[in-house]
Amino acid sequence: MSIDSIRVVLVHEAGQRPEDWIALLSGLRDGVEPILLVADAADEVTLRGLNPHRIIAVAPLAPDVYLALMESIPILAGAQALDSFAKAFGGCTIPVSAAEDHYLMHDGVGVWTGFTEPLEVEGYPAIALDQAELPPELVVSAWNDEKVALALRHRVLPLVALSIHPDDLGEKHSRNLLYAFLEGRYLSGAPTGPPEV
């Protein structure tokens, strides 16, 4: 199946059209834009009603929404949604101090399959998962040279969270990361998770 036919719902803040995410996704999908949904309206019923194959939350979802949908719809939580993602599993986030230069290391699993290491990171997260309170369901899948968690994934379900913006990886790597998520690479190098369309 082509990723052009995958229905993607992009949850965003009211009054802020996420042009960078829309450009990344439509660039990967032959101009097909995602379905936009304001975070205030992104409850379980509304999201299920849109019948998405993938959800990308660039704004926070209510923690119970992750729990209600996590077994049926793959979700990628962006940096602004990291706190709500962590809270869904009993975790919490902490503020992070900026550094001048840093690199991303990763475990080579799921959305990181095929990436070289280390990757230069152009931006720095404002918050990160408090690893002292790492919920047992979650795994740190990418980190920087200061051991700050830059990405997480659920151990068995198709849930991924980033504490950086994909653009912070540069155009090629950001496209590859989102392509891997759309294609269905969550836990291994091969597509996994719920059946496609």
Protein backbone atom coordinates (compact mmCIF):
# COMPACT_ATOMS: atom_id res chain seq x y z
CA MET A 1 0.00 0.00 0.00
CA SER A 2 1.21 3.47 -0.85
CA ILE A 3 1.60 5.92 2.02
CA ASP A 4 -0.36 8.41 -0.13
CA SER A 5 -3.55 6.49 0.74
CA ILE A 6 -2.91 6.44 4.49
CA ARG A 7 -5.31 8.78 6.31
CA VAL A 8 -3.27 10.94 8.68
CA VAL A 9 -4.91 13.16 11.30
CA LEU A 10 -2.69 16.00 12.48
CA VAL A 11 -3.78 17.38 15.87
CA HIS A 12 -2.71 21.00 16.34
CA GLU A 13 -3.27 24.05 18.54
CA ALA A 14 -6.27 26.27 17.75
CA GLY A 15 -5.31 29.24 15.59
CA GLN A 16 -1.92 27.77 14.66
CA ARG A 17 -1.81 25.95 11.34
CA PRO A 18 1.31 23.74 11.58
CA GLU A 19 2.73 24.57 8.15
CA ASP A 20 6.06 22.78 8.74
CA TRP A 21 4.35 19.47 9.60
CA ILE A 22 1.89 19.85 6.73
CA ALA A 23 4.78 20.49 4.32
CA LEU A 24 6.71 17.45 5.60
CA LEU A 25 3.70 15.15 5.34
CA SER A 26 2.44 16.40 1.97
CA GLY A 27 5.99 16.24 0.60
CA LEU A 28 6.13 12.55 1.51
CA ARG A 29 2.65 11.81 0.22
CA ASP A 30 2.62 13.30 -3.27
CA GLY A 31 0.92 16.50 -2.12
CA VAL A 32 -1.75 14.80 0.01
CA GLU A 33 -2.27 16.94 3.11
CA PRO A 34 -3.22 15.46 6.48
CA ILE A 35 -6.66 15.92 8.03
CA LEU A 36 -6.34 18.81 10.50
CA LEU A 37 -8.03 18.64 13.91
CA VAL A 38 -7.81 21.24 16.67
CA ALA A 39 -6.57 19.73 19.95
CA ASP A 40 -9.64 20.92 21.89
CA ALA A 41 -11.81 18.73 19.64
CA ALA A 42 -9.46 15.72 19.66
CA ASP A 43 -11.36 13.33 21.91
CA GLU A 44 -11.64 9.59 21.34
CA VAL A 45 -15.03 9.75 19.58
CA THR A 46 -14.01 12.51 17.17
CA LEU A 47 -10.69 10.86 16.31
CA ARG A 48 -12.27 7.46 15.71
CA GLY A 49 -14.95 9.15 13.58
CA LEU A 50 -12.24 10.46 11.24
CA ASN A 51 -11.12 6.84 10.71
CA PRO A 52 -7.39 7.63 10.66
CA HIS A 53 -4.63 5.13 9.93
CA ARG A 54 -2.13 7.36 11.77
CA ILE A 55 -2.41 10.22 14.30
CA ILE A 56 0.30 12.82 14.70
CA ALA A 57 -0.21 15.01 17.77
CA VAL A 58 1.78 18.23 17.51
CA ALA A 59 -0.41 19.62 20.30
CA PRO A 60 -1.20 17.75 23.53
CA LEU A 61 -3.90 15.11 23.57
CA ALA A 62 -5.67 14.30 26.82
CA PRO A 63 -3.78 11.38 28.44
CA ASP A 64 -6.92 9.21 28.34
CA VAL A 65 -7.06 9.60 24.54
CA TYR A 66 -3.68 7.85 24.15
CA LEU A 67 -4.89 5.02 26.38
CA ALA A 68 -8.20 4.66 24.52
CA LEU A 69 -6.63 4.57 21.04
CA MET A 70 -3.22 3.02 21.61
CA GLU A 71 -4.14 -0.52 20.65
CA SER A 72 -5.89 0.42 17.42
CA ILE A 73 -4.31 3.55 15.90
CA PRO A 74 -0.57 4.33 15.70
CA ILE A 75 0.22 7.70 17.31
CA LEU A 76 3.27 9.92 17.06
CA ALA A 77 3.45 12.62 19.74
CA GLY A 78 5.52 15.67 18.86
CA ALA A 79 7.53 17.75 21.30
CA GLN A 80 4.56 19.86 22.46
CA ALA A 81 2.58 16.69 23.17
CA LEU A 82 5.40 14.92 25.04
CA ASP A 83 4.13 15.89 28.50
CA SER A 84 0.62 14.54 27.89
CA PHE A 85 2.10 11.38 26.34
CA ALA A 86 4.28 10.79 29.43
CA LYS A 87 1.37 11.46 31.81
CA ALA A 88 -0.77 8.85 30.04
CA PHE A 89 1.64 6.21 31.37
CA GLY A 90 2.35 7.76 34.76
CA GLY A 91 5.56 9.51 33.71
CA CYS A 92 6.52 13.16 33.83
CA THR A 93 8.73 15.62 32.00
CA ILE A 94 11.42 17.99 33.20
CA PRO A 95 12.80 21.22 31.74
CA VAL A 96 16.08 20.89 29.84
CA SER A 97 18.89 23.45 29.61
CA ALA A 98 20.06 24.32 26.12
CA ALA A 99 23.48 23.27 24.87
CA GLU A 100 25.32 24.71 21.89
CA ASP A 101 26.18 21.57 19.93
CA HIS A 102 24.86 18.09 20.42
CA TYR A 103 24.23 14.81 18.67
CA LEU A 104 21.49 12.22 18.63
CA MET A 105 22.21 8.57 19.31
CA HIS A 106 19.48 5.94 18.87
CA ASP A 107 18.78 2.26 19.32
CA GLY A 108 18.31 1.53 15.59
CA VAL A 109 14.85 0.08 16.21
CA GLY A 110 11.48 1.04 14.73
CA VAL A 111 11.45 4.53 13.25
CA TRP A 112 15.25 4.70 13.75
CA THR A 113 15.97 1.63 11.58
CA GLY A 114 18.61 2.43 8.96
CA PHE A 115 19.69 5.74 10.48
CA THR A 116 23.39 6.39 10.90
CA GLU A 117 24.76 7.40 14.28
CA PRO A 118 25.36 9.93 15.63
CA LEU A 119 23.10 12.48 13.94
CA GLU A 120 23.61 16.20 14.36
CA VAL A 121 20.64 17.85 16.04
CA GLU A 122 19.92 21.43 15.02
CA GLY A 123 17.47 22.25 17.83
CA TYR A 124 17.32 21.46 21.52
CA PRO A 125 14.31 20.23 23.49
CA ALA A 126 12.70 22.49 26.07
CA ILE A 127 11.46 19.46 28.02
CA ALA A 128 12.35 15.78 28.15
CA LEU A 129 11.07 12.69 29.88
CA ASP A 130 12.23 12.40 33.47
CA GLN A 131 14.15 9.13 33.08
CA ALA A 132 14.20 8.61 36.85
CA GLU A 133 10.43 8.14 36.52
CA LEU A 134 10.47 6.12 33.27
CA PRO A 135 7.19 4.18 33.05
CA PRO A 136 7.78 0.45 32.47
CA GLU A 137 5.74 0.55 29.24
CA LEU A 138 8.08 3.06 27.61
CA VAL A 139 11.60 2.78 26.20
CA VAL A 140 14.00 5.64 25.47
CA SER A 141 14.80 5.12 21.79
CA ALA A 142 16.97 8.21 21.11
CA TRP A 143 19.12 10.42 23.32
CA ASN A 144 21.77 13.07 23.00
CA ASP A 145 25.37 13.19 24.18
CA GLU A 146 24.15 14.61 27.51
CA LYS A 147 21.88 11.56 28.01
CA VAL A 148 18.70 13.61 27.52
CA ALA A 149 15.87 11.48 26.09
CA LEU A 150 15.00 12.76 22.60
CA ALA A 151 12.54 10.01 21.61
CA LEU A 152 10.44 7.31 23.26
CA ARG A 153 8.39 4.38 22.13
CA HIS A 154 5.96 2.00 23.76
CA ARG A 155 7.41 -1.47 24.32
CA VAL A 156 4.70 -3.34 22.41
CA LEU A 157 2.26 -0.85 20.88
CA PRO A 158 2.63 1.55 17.93
CA LEU A 159 3.24 4.71 19.98
CA VAL A 160 6.21 7.03 19.39
CA ALA A 161 7.05 10.34 21.07
CA LEU A 162 9.69 12.94 20.19
CA SER A 163 11.06 15.72 22.38
CA ILE A 164 12.55 17.42 19.30
CA HIS A 165 10.96 18.59 16.08
CA PRO A 166 11.71 16.31 13.09
CA ASP A 167 13.14 19.37 11.29
CA ASP A 168 15.86 19.47 13.97
CA LEU A 169 17.32 16.40 12.23
CA GLY A 170 17.60 18.15 8.87
CA GLU A 171 15.37 17.61 5.85
CA LYS A 172 16.57 14.14 4.79
CA HIS A 173 16.42 12.58 8.25
CA SER A 174 13.12 14.25 9.19
CA ARG A 175 11.54 12.87 6.01
CA ASN A 176 12.95 9.39 6.70
CA LEU A 177 11.66 9.44 10.28
CA LEU A 178 8.13 10.41 9.29
CA TYR A 179 8.17 7.99 6.36
CA ALA A 180 9.10 5.16 8.75
CA PHE A 181 6.19 6.09 11.02
CA LEU A 182 3.73 6.29 8.13
CA GLU A 183 5.01 3.02 6.70
CA GLY A 184 4.47 1.26 10.02
CA ARG A 185 7.96 0.78 11.47
CA TYR A 186 7.35 1.07 15.22
CA LEU A 187 9.11 -1.78 17.00
CA SER A 188 11.35 -3.40 14.40
CA GLY A 189 12.85 -2.65 11.01
CA ALA A 190 9.86 -4.18 9.26
CA PRO A 191 6.39 -2.64 9.23
CA THR A 192 4.46 -3.76 12.33
CA GLY A 193 1.39 -2.79 14.26
CA PRO A 194 -2.27 -2.70 13.25
CA PRO A 195 -3.20 -3.85 9.76
CA GLU A 196 -3.00 -1.22 7.08
CA VAL A 197 -6.03 -0.03 5.10
